[in-house]
Amino acid sequence: MKYKLFPFSLYLIIGCVFFACTADTNYQSYKDLKKQGKKIFIRDLSSCQEFSNLNIKRSEGSKGAGEIQREKNFIFYRCMEKNYWTLKE
């Protein structure tokens, strides 16, 4: 019985780790400090995602995938903050 649950629990753990490492892209998760609205949020979100994708430093094996994702998220969140979007707590 416990061997049947192992693959399921493994997939569950991997899924949780993946979603925990991704940046939050939901409008309701951000404070709109300048009352810009959802259209501006979508525009800023898209430009910050592109900015973080372009500015992430590709490694040649020295960084793990999690470290690269954290760095990418850091760049993304700083870009959003520059555009007056901060995460709600």
PDB file of N, CA and C in Angstrom:
ATOM      1  N   MET A   1       0.822  -1.200   0.000  1.00  0.00           N
ATOM      2  CA  MET A   1       0.000   0.000   0.000  1.00  0.00           C
ATOM      3  C   MET A   1       0.863   1.259   0.000  1.00  0.00           C
ATOM      4  N   LYS A   2       1.911   1.291   0.834  1.00  0.00           N
ATOM      5  CA  LYS A   2       2.715   2.509   0.908  1.00  0.00           C
ATOM      6  C   LYS A   2       3.504   2.745  -0.377  1.00  0.00           C
ATOM      7  N   TYR A   3       3.784   1.701  -1.157  1.00  0.00           N
ATOM      8  CA  TYR A   3       4.497   1.876  -2.419  1.00  0.00           C
ATOM      9  C   TYR A   3       3.612   2.492  -3.489  1.00  0.00           C
ATOM     10  N   LYS A   4       2.305   2.349  -3.354  1.00  0.00           N
ATOM     11  CA  LYS A   4       1.370   2.964  -4.305  1.00  0.00           C
ATOM     12  C   LYS A   4       1.248   4.458  -4.041  1.00  0.00           C
ATOM     13  N   LEU A   5       1.422   4.874  -2.812  1.00  0.00           N
ATOM     14  CA  LEU A   5       1.316   6.290  -2.461  1.00  0.00           C
ATOM     15  C   LEU A   5       2.599   7.056  -2.755  1.00  0.00           C
ATOM     16  N   PHE A   6       3.709   6.365  -2.863  1.00  0.00           N
ATOM     17  CA  PHE A   6       4.989   7.034  -3.067  1.00  0.00           C
ATOM     18  C   PHE A   6       5.029   7.879  -4.344  1.00  0.00           C
ATOM     19  N   PRO A   7       4.656   7.340  -5.529  1.00  0.00           N
ATOM     20  CA  PRO A   7       4.695   8.180  -6.734  1.00  0.00           C
ATOM     21  C   PRO A   7       3.779   9.395  -6.631  1.00  0.00           C
ATOM     22  N   PHE A   8       2.588   9.210  -6.067  1.00  0.00           N
ATOM     23  CA  PHE A   8       1.658  10.322  -5.906  1.00  0.00           C
ATOM     24  C   PHE A   8       2.243  11.402  -4.999  1.00  0.00           C
ATOM     25  N   SER A   9       2.805  10.993  -3.881  1.00  0.00           N
ATOM     26  CA  SER A   9       3.366  11.971  -2.952  1.00  0.00           C
ATOM     27  C   SER A   9       4.590  12.660  -3.551  1.00  0.00           C
ATOM     28  N   LEU A  10       5.355  11.944  -4.346  1.00  0.00           N
ATOM     29  CA  LEU A  10       6.505  12.540  -5.010  1.00  0.00           C
ATOM     30  C   LEU A  10       6.064  13.629  -5.979  1.00  0.00           C
ATOM     31  N   TYR A  11       5.036  13.343  -6.787  1.00  0.00           N
ATOM     32  CA  TYR A  11       4.511  14.356  -7.714  1.00  0.00           C
ATOM     33  C   TYR A  11       3.929  15.551  -6.971  1.00  0.00           C
ATOM     34  N   LEU A  12       3.293  15.297  -5.866  1.00  0.00           N
ATOM     35  CA  LEU A  12       2.714  16.369  -5.063  1.00  0.00           C
ATOM     36  C   LEU A  12       3.801  17.294  -4.513  1.00  0.00           C
ATOM     37  N   ILE A  13       4.863  16.721  -4.015  1.00  0.00           N
ATOM     38  CA  ILE A  13       5.969  17.512  -3.477  1.00  0.00           C
ATOM     39  C   ILE A  13       6.647  18.325  -4.577  1.00  0.00           C
ATOM     40  N   ILE A  14       6.885  17.711  -5.716  1.00  0.00           N
ATOM     41  CA  ILE A  14       7.514  18.414  -6.838  1.00  0.00           C
ATOM     42  C   ILE A  14       6.635  19.565  -7.306  1.00  0.00           C
ATOM     43  N   GLY A  15       5.325  19.336  -7.382  1.00  0.00           N
ATOM     44  CA  GLY A  15       4.396  20.394  -7.783  1.00  0.00           C
ATOM     45  C   GLY A  15       4.394  21.555  -6.811  1.00  0.00           C
ATOM     46  N   CYS A  16       4.420  21.257  -5.516  1.00  0.00           N
ATOM     47  CA  CYS A  16       4.436  22.319  -4.502  1.00  0.00           C
ATOM     48  C   CYS A  16       5.723  23.136  -4.580  1.00  0.00           C
ATOM     49  N   VAL A  17       6.833  22.465  -4.784  1.00  0.00           N
ATOM     50  CA  VAL A  17       8.118  23.163  -4.899  1.00  0.00           C
ATOM     51  C   VAL A  17       8.117  24.052  -6.125  1.00  0.00           C
ATOM     52  N   PHE A  18       7.594  23.542  -7.237  1.00  0.00           N
ATOM     53  CA  PHE A  18       7.565  24.338  -8.475  1.00  0.00           C
ATOM     54  C   PHE A  18       6.740  25.600  -8.290  1.00  0.00           C
ATOM     55  N   PHE A  19       5.547  25.474  -7.726  1.00  0.00           N
ATOM     56  CA  PHE A  19       4.692  26.643  -7.569  1.00  0.00           C
ATOM     57  C   PHE A  19       5.200  27.594  -6.502  1.00  0.00           C
ATOM     58  N   ALA A  20       5.955  27.121  -5.561  1.00  0.00           N
ATOM     59  CA  ALA A  20       6.529  27.989  -4.535  1.00  0.00           C
ATOM     60  C   ALA A  20       7.665  28.827  -5.097  1.00  0.00           C
ATOM     61  N   CYS A  21       8.295  28.362  -6.161  1.00  0.00           N
ATOM     62  CA  CYS A  21       9.440  29.067  -6.737  1.00  0.00           C
ATOM     63  C   CYS A  21       9.055  30.062  -7.819  1.00  0.00           C
ATOM     64  N   THR A  22       7.822  30.049  -8.268  1.00  0.00           N
ATOM     65  CA  THR A  22       7.434  30.943  -9.348  1.00  0.00           C
ATOM     66  C   THR A  22       6.947  32.278  -8.794  1.00  0.00           C
ATOM     67  N   ALA A  23       7.115  33.312  -9.568  1.00  0.00           N
ATOM     68  CA  ALA A  23       6.680  34.642  -9.163  1.00  0.00           C
ATOM     69  C   ALA A  23       5.160  34.740  -9.225  1.00  0.00           C
ATOM     70  N   ASP A  24       4.595  35.516  -8.324  1.00  0.00           N
ATOM     71  CA  ASP A  24       3.150  35.696  -8.289  1.00  0.00           C
ATOM     72  C   ASP A  24       2.745  36.697  -9.367  1.00  0.00           C
ATOM     73  N   THR A  25       1.808  36.296 -10.227  1.00  0.00           N
ATOM     74  CA  THR A  25       1.407  37.145 -11.345  1.00  0.00           C
ATOM     75  C   THR A  25      -0.081  37.473 -11.304  1.00  0.00           C
ATOM     76  N   ASN A  26      -0.690  37.377 -10.149  1.00  0.00           N
ATOM     77  CA  ASN A  26      -2.117  37.621  -9.997  1.00  0.00           C
ATOM     78  C   ASN A  26      -2.348  39.070  -9.553  1.00  0.00           C
ATOM     79  N   TYR A  27      -3.233  39.782 -10.228  1.00  0.00           N
ATOM     80  CA  TYR A  27      -3.507  41.187  -9.919  1.00  0.00           C
ATOM     81  C   TYR A  27      -3.936  41.379  -8.460  1.00  0.00           C
ATOM     82  N   GLN A  28      -4.739  40.444  -7.932  1.00  0.00           N
ATOM     83  CA  GLN A  28      -5.232  40.570  -6.570  1.00  0.00           C
ATOM     84  C   GLN A  28      -4.126  40.395  -5.534  1.00  0.00           C
ATOM     85  N   SER A  29      -2.963  39.897  -5.934  1.00  0.00           N
ATOM     86  CA  SER A  29      -1.863  39.678  -5.002  1.00  0.00           C
ATOM     87  C   SER A  29      -1.005  40.921  -4.796  1.00  0.00           C
ATOM     88  N   TYR A  30      -1.279  41.975  -5.541  1.00  0.00           N
ATOM     89  CA  TYR A  30      -0.453  43.183  -5.497  1.00  0.00           C
ATOM     90  C   TYR A  30      -1.239  44.378  -4.989  1.00  0.00           C
ATOM     91  N   LYS A  31      -0.533  45.265  -4.308  1.00  0.00           N
ATOM     92  CA  LYS A  31      -1.087  46.561  -3.910  1.00  0.00           C
ATOM     93  C   LYS A  31      -0.860  47.521  -5.072  1.00  0.00           C
ATOM     94  N   ASP A  32      -1.904  48.207  -5.463  1.00  0.00           N
ATOM     95  CA  ASP A  32      -1.836  49.187  -6.546  1.00  0.00           C
ATOM     96  C   ASP A  32      -1.555  50.548  -5.904  1.00  0.00           C
ATOM     97  N   LEU A  33      -0.277  50.858  -5.711  1.00  0.00           N
ATOM     98  CA  LEU A  33       0.104  52.050  -4.956  1.00  0.00           C
ATOM     99  C   LEU A  33      -0.286  53.357  -5.639  1.00  0.00           C
ATOM    100  N   LYS A  34      -0.393  53.350  -6.953  1.00  0.00           N
ATOM    101  CA  LYS A  34      -0.747  54.571  -7.678  1.00  0.00           C
ATOM    102  C   LYS A  34      -2.131  54.490  -8.319  1.00  0.00           C
ATOM    103  N   LYS A  35      -2.916  53.486  -7.937  1.00  0.00           N
ATOM    104  CA  LYS A  35      -4.281  53.307  -8.478  1.00  0.00           C
ATOM    105  C   LYS A  35      -4.267  53.314 -10.004  1.00  0.00           C
ATOM    106  N   GLN A  36      -3.416  52.471 -10.581  1.00  0.00           N
ATOM    107  CA  GLN A  36      -3.232  52.438 -12.034  1.00  0.00           C
ATOM    108  C   GLN A  36      -4.230  51.529 -12.749  1.00  0.00           C
ATOM    109  N   GLY A  37      -4.728  50.510 -12.071  1.00  0.00           N
ATOM    110  CA  GLY A  37      -5.715  49.620 -12.663  1.00  0.00           C
ATOM    111  C   GLY A  37      -5.105  48.367 -13.270  1.00  0.00           C
ATOM    112  N   LYS A  38      -6.012  47.483 -13.668  1.00  0.00           N
ATOM    113  CA  LYS A  38      -5.606  46.158 -14.133  1.00  0.00           C
ATOM    114  C   LYS A  38      -4.904  46.195 -15.489  1.00  0.00           C
ATOM    115  N   LYS A  39      -5.323  47.087 -16.396  1.00  0.00           N
ATOM    116  CA  LYS A  39      -4.675  47.166 -17.721  1.00  0.00           C
ATOM    117  C   LYS A  39      -3.199  47.527 -17.589  1.00  0.00           C
ATOM    118  N   ILE A  40      -2.894  48.498 -16.752  1.00  0.00           N
ATOM    119  CA  ILE A  40      -1.508  48.911 -16.538  1.00  0.00           C
ATOM    120  C   ILE A  40      -0.742  47.790 -15.837  1.00  0.00           C
ATOM    121  N   PHE A  41      -1.414  47.095 -14.907  1.00  0.00           N
ATOM    122  CA  PHE A  41      -0.777  45.968 -14.229  1.00  0.00           C
ATOM    123  C   PHE A  41      -0.342  44.911 -15.243  1.00  0.00           C
ATOM    124  N   ILE A  42      -1.213  44.563 -16.146  1.00  0.00           N
ATOM    125  CA  ILE A  42      -0.892  43.540 -17.159  1.00  0.00           C
ATOM    126  C   ILE A  42       0.270  44.002 -18.028  1.00  0.00           C
ATOM    127  N   ARG A  43       0.291  45.268 -18.400  1.00  0.00           N
ATOM    128  CA  ARG A  43       1.391  45.800 -19.203  1.00  0.00           C
ATOM    129  C   ARG A  43       2.704  45.753 -18.426  1.00  0.00           C
ATOM    130  N   ASP A  44       2.675  46.212 -17.167  1.00  0.00           N
ATOM    131  CA  ASP A  44       3.876  46.199 -16.334  1.00  0.00           C
ATOM    132  C   ASP A  44       4.335  44.771 -16.044  1.00  0.00           C
ATOM    133  N   LEU A  45       3.385  43.880 -15.804  1.00  0.00           N
ATOM    134  CA  LEU A  45       3.699  42.479 -15.551  1.00  0.00           C
ATOM    135  C   LEU A  45       4.445  41.879 -16.743  1.00  0.00           C
ATOM    136  N   SER A  46       3.926  42.115 -17.910  1.00  0.00           N
ATOM    137  CA  SER A  46       4.550  41.583 -19.127  1.00  0.00           C
ATOM    138  C   SER A  46       5.949  42.149 -19.324  1.00  0.00           C
ATOM    139  N   SER A  47       6.102  43.453 -19.137  1.00  0.00           N
ATOM    140  CA  SER A  47       7.417  44.060 -19.347  1.00  0.00           C
ATOM    141  C   SER A  47       8.414  43.599 -18.282  1.00  0.00           C
ATOM    142  N   CYS A  48       7.960  43.397 -17.042  1.00  0.00           N
ATOM    143  CA  CYS A  48       8.865  42.929 -15.988  1.00  0.00           C
ATOM    144  C   CYS A  48       9.245  41.465 -16.187  1.00  0.00           C
ATOM    145  N   GLN A  49       8.321  40.659 -16.696  1.00  0.00           N
ATOM    146  CA  GLN A  49       8.660  39.266 -16.999  1.00  0.00           C
ATOM    147  C   GLN A  49       9.712  39.206 -18.099  1.00  0.00           C
ATOM    148  N   GLU A  50       9.524  40.018 -19.128  1.00  0.00           N
ATOM    149  CA  GLU A  50      10.495  40.057 -20.222  1.00  0.00           C
ATOM    150  C   GLU A  50      11.844  40.577 -19.722  1.00  0.00           C
ATOM    151  N   PHE A  51      11.812  41.615 -18.889  1.00  0.00           N
ATOM    152  CA  PHE A  51      13.033  42.184 -18.337  1.00  0.00           C
ATOM    153  C   PHE A  51      13.798  41.159 -17.509  1.00  0.00           C
ATOM    154  N   SER A  52      13.083  40.422 -16.662  1.00  0.00           N
ATOM    155  CA  SER A  52      13.764  39.428 -15.824  1.00  0.00           C
ATOM    156  C   SER A  52      14.295  38.266 -16.659  1.00  0.00           C
ATOM    157  N   ASN A  53      13.575  37.890 -17.714  1.00  0.00           N
ATOM    158  CA  ASN A  53      14.066  36.826 -18.599  1.00  0.00           C
ATOM    159  C   ASN A  53      15.334  37.244 -19.326  1.00  0.00           C
ATOM    160  N   LEU A  54      15.404  38.498 -19.732  1.00  0.00           N
ATOM    161  CA  LEU A  54      16.569  38.983 -20.462  1.00  0.00           C
ATOM    162  C   LEU A  54      17.774  39.216 -19.558  1.00  0.00           C
ATOM    163  N   ASN A  55      17.524  39.549 -18.300  1.00  0.00           N
ATOM    164  CA  ASN A  55      18.619  39.934 -17.406  1.00  0.00           C
ATOM    165  C   ASN A  55      19.086  38.838 -16.456  1.00  0.00           C
ATOM    166  N   ILE A  56      18.502  37.679 -16.548  1.00  0.00           N
ATOM    167  CA  ILE A  56      18.968  36.575 -15.712  1.00  0.00           C
ATOM    168  C   ILE A  56      20.297  36.081 -16.276  1.00  0.00           C
ATOM    169  N   LYS A  57      21.239  35.885 -15.399  1.00  0.00           N
ATOM    170  CA  LYS A  57      22.554  35.428 -15.843  1.00  0.00           C
ATOM    171  C   LYS A  57      22.523  33.915 -15.986  1.00  0.00           C
ATOM    172  N   ARG A  58      22.776  33.449 -17.164  1.00  0.00           N
ATOM    173  CA  ARG A  58      22.808  32.008 -17.410  1.00  0.00           C
ATOM    174  C   ARG A  58      24.098  31.438 -16.833  1.00  0.00           C
ATOM    175  N   SER A  59      23.957  30.319 -16.161  1.00  0.00           N
ATOM    176  CA  SER A  59      25.128  29.708 -15.563  1.00  0.00           C
ATOM    177  C   SER A  59      25.569  28.522 -16.414  1.00  0.00           C
ATOM    178  N   GLU A  60      26.777  28.113 -16.197  1.00  0.00           N
ATOM    179  CA  GLU A  60      27.297  26.945 -16.891  1.00  0.00           C
ATOM    180  C   GLU A  60      27.462  25.812 -15.897  1.00  0.00           C
ATOM    181  N   GLY A  61      26.452  25.589 -15.087  1.00  0.00           N
ATOM    182  CA  GLY A  61      26.475  24.485 -14.147  1.00  0.00           C
ATOM    183  C   GLY A  61      26.782  24.874 -12.718  1.00  0.00           C
ATOM    184  N   SER A  62      27.208  26.102 -12.473  1.00  0.00           N
ATOM    185  CA  SER A  62      27.574  26.475 -11.110  1.00  0.00           C
ATOM    186  C   SER A  62      26.352  26.775 -10.244  1.00  0.00           C
ATOM    187  N   LYS A  63      25.234  27.161 -10.853  1.00  0.00           N
ATOM    188  CA  LYS A  63      24.019  27.470 -10.102  1.00  0.00           C
ATOM    189  C   LYS A  63      22.988  26.374 -10.351  1.00  0.00           C
ATOM    190  N   GLY A  64      22.249  26.073  -9.313  1.00  0.00           N
ATOM    191  CA  GLY A  64      21.152  25.133  -9.456  1.00  0.00           C
ATOM    192  C   GLY A  64      19.932  25.835 -10.022  1.00  0.00           C
ATOM    193  N   ALA A  65      18.961  25.063 -10.458  1.00  0.00           N
ATOM    194  CA  ALA A  65      17.747  25.628 -11.037  1.00  0.00           C
ATOM    195  C   ALA A  65      17.005  26.506 -10.035  1.00  0.00           C
ATOM    196  N   GLY A  66      16.977  26.103  -8.773  1.00  0.00           N
ATOM    197  CA  GLY A  66      16.290  26.888  -7.755  1.00  0.00           C
ATOM    198  C   GLY A  66      16.935  28.239  -7.525  1.00  0.00           C
ATOM    199  N   GLU A  67      18.256  28.270  -7.549  1.00  0.00           N
ATOM    200  CA  GLU A  67      18.973  29.529  -7.351  1.00  0.00           C
ATOM    201  C   GLU A  67      18.742  30.479  -8.534  1.00  0.00           C
ATOM    202  N   ILE A  68      18.730  29.937  -9.731  1.00  0.00           N
ATOM    203  CA  ILE A  68      18.459  30.758 -10.916  1.00  0.00           C
ATOM    204  C   ILE A  68      17.050  31.317 -10.856  1.00  0.00           C
ATOM    205  N   GLN A  69      16.074  30.485 -10.433  1.00  0.00           N
ATOM    206  CA  GLN A  69      14.693  30.950 -10.329  1.00  0.00           C
ATOM    207  C   GLN A  69      14.548  32.023  -9.261  1.00  0.00           C
ATOM    208  N   ARG A  70      15.228  31.879  -8.128  1.00  0.00           N
ATOM    209  CA  ARG A  70      15.172  32.916  -7.078  1.00  0.00           C
ATOM    210  C   ARG A  70      15.738  34.237  -7.594  1.00  0.00           C
ATOM    211  N   GLU A  71      16.840  34.169  -8.328  1.00  0.00           N
ATOM    212  CA  GLU A  71      17.436  35.383  -8.888  1.00  0.00           C
ATOM    213  C   GLU A  71      16.497  36.033  -9.899  1.00  0.00           C
ATOM    214  N   LYS A  72      15.878  35.219 -10.724  1.00  0.00           N
ATOM    215  CA  LYS A  72      14.922  35.734 -11.707  1.00  0.00           C
ATOM    216  C   LYS A  72      13.734  36.389 -11.009  1.00  0.00           C
ATOM    217  N   ASN A  73      13.215  35.746  -9.943  1.00  0.00           N
ATOM    218  CA  ASN A  73      12.104  36.322  -9.188  1.00  0.00           C
ATOM    219  C   ASN A  73      12.508  37.628  -8.521  1.00  0.00           C
ATOM    220  N   PHE A  74      13.733  37.699  -8.004  1.00  0.00           N
ATOM    221  CA  PHE A  74      14.223  38.929  -7.382  1.00  0.00           C
ATOM    222  C   PHE A  74      14.207  40.078  -8.393  1.00  0.00           C
ATOM    223  N   ILE A  75      14.721  39.828  -9.581  1.00  0.00           N
ATOM    224  CA  ILE A  75      14.733  40.853 -10.635  1.00  0.00           C
ATOM    225  C   ILE A  75      13.306  41.260 -10.989  1.00  0.00           C
ATOM    226  N   PHE A  76      12.422  40.271 -11.103  1.00  0.00           N
ATOM    227  CA  PHE A  76      11.024  40.537 -11.449  1.00  0.00           C
ATOM    228  C   PHE A  76      10.349  41.405 -10.389  1.00  0.00           C
ATOM    229  N   TYR A  77      10.489  41.040  -9.111  1.00  0.00           N
ATOM    230  CA  TYR A  77       9.832  41.802  -8.045  1.00  0.00           C
ATOM    231  C   TYR A  77      10.391  43.219  -7.927  1.00  0.00           C
ATOM    232  N   ARG A  78      11.674  43.402  -8.134  1.00  0.00           N
ATOM    233  CA  ARG A  78      12.254  44.759  -8.096  1.00  0.00           C
ATOM    234  C   ARG A  78      11.699  45.600  -9.241  1.00  0.00           C
ATOM    235  N   CYS A  79      11.538  44.993 -10.391  1.00  0.00           N
ATOM    236  CA  CYS A  79      10.947  45.706 -11.531  1.00  0.00           C
ATOM    237  C   CYS A  79       9.504  46.119 -11.214  1.00  0.00           C
ATOM    238  N   MET A  80       8.743  45.210 -10.624  1.00  0.00           N
ATOM    239  CA  MET A  80       7.352  45.528 -10.268  1.00  0.00           C
ATOM    240  C   MET A  80       7.299  46.650  -9.232  1.00  0.00           C
ATOM    241  N   GLU A  81       8.219  46.616  -8.269  1.00  0.00           N
ATOM    242  CA  GLU A  81       8.252  47.672  -7.261  1.00  0.00           C
ATOM    243  C   GLU A  81       8.583  49.024  -7.876  1.00  0.00           C
ATOM    244  N   LYS A  82       9.457  49.038  -8.875  1.00  0.00           N
ATOM    245  CA  LYS A  82       9.774  50.294  -9.560  1.00  0.00           C
ATOM    246  C   LYS A  82       8.542  50.868 -10.255  1.00  0.00           C
ATOM    247  N   ASN A  83       7.622  49.987 -10.654  1.00  0.00           N
ATOM    248  CA  ASN A  83       6.387  50.407 -11.306  1.00  0.00           C
ATOM    249  C   ASN A  83       5.226  50.569 -10.302  1.00  0.00           C
ATOM    250  N   TYR A  84       5.575  50.614  -9.009  1.00  0.00           N
ATOM    251  CA  TYR A  84       4.614  50.856  -7.919  1.00  0.00           C
ATOM    252  C   TYR A  84       3.627  49.713  -7.711  1.00  0.00           C
ATOM    253  N   TRP A  85       4.085  48.476  -7.871  1.00  0.00           N
ATOM    254  CA  TRP A  85       3.299  47.291  -7.565  1.00  0.00           C
ATOM    255  C   TRP A  85       4.045  46.511  -6.492  1.00  0.00           C
ATOM    256  N   THR A  86       3.475  46.416  -5.311  1.00  0.00           N
ATOM    257  CA  THR A  86       4.113  45.643  -4.242  1.00  0.00           C
ATOM    258  C   THR A  86       3.177  44.503  -3.828  1.00  0.00           C
ATOM    259  N   LEU A  87       3.779  43.409  -3.419  1.00  0.00           N
ATOM    260  CA  LEU A  87       2.989  42.255  -2.996  1.00  0.00           C
ATOM    261  C   LEU A  87       2.253  42.559  -1.700  1.00  0.00           C
ATOM    262  N   LYS A  88       1.025  42.087  -1.626  1.00  0.00           N
ATOM    263  CA  LYS A  88       0.273  42.193  -0.379  1.00  0.00           C
ATOM    264  C   LYS A  88       0.833  41.172   0.584  1.00  0.00           C
ATOM    265  N   GLU A  89       0.733  41.461   1.845  1.00  0.00           N
ATOM    266  CA  GLU A  89       1.240  40.523   2.860  1.00  0.00           C
ATOM    267  C   GLU A  89       0.147  39.735   3.489  1.00  0.00           C
TER     268      GLU A  89
END
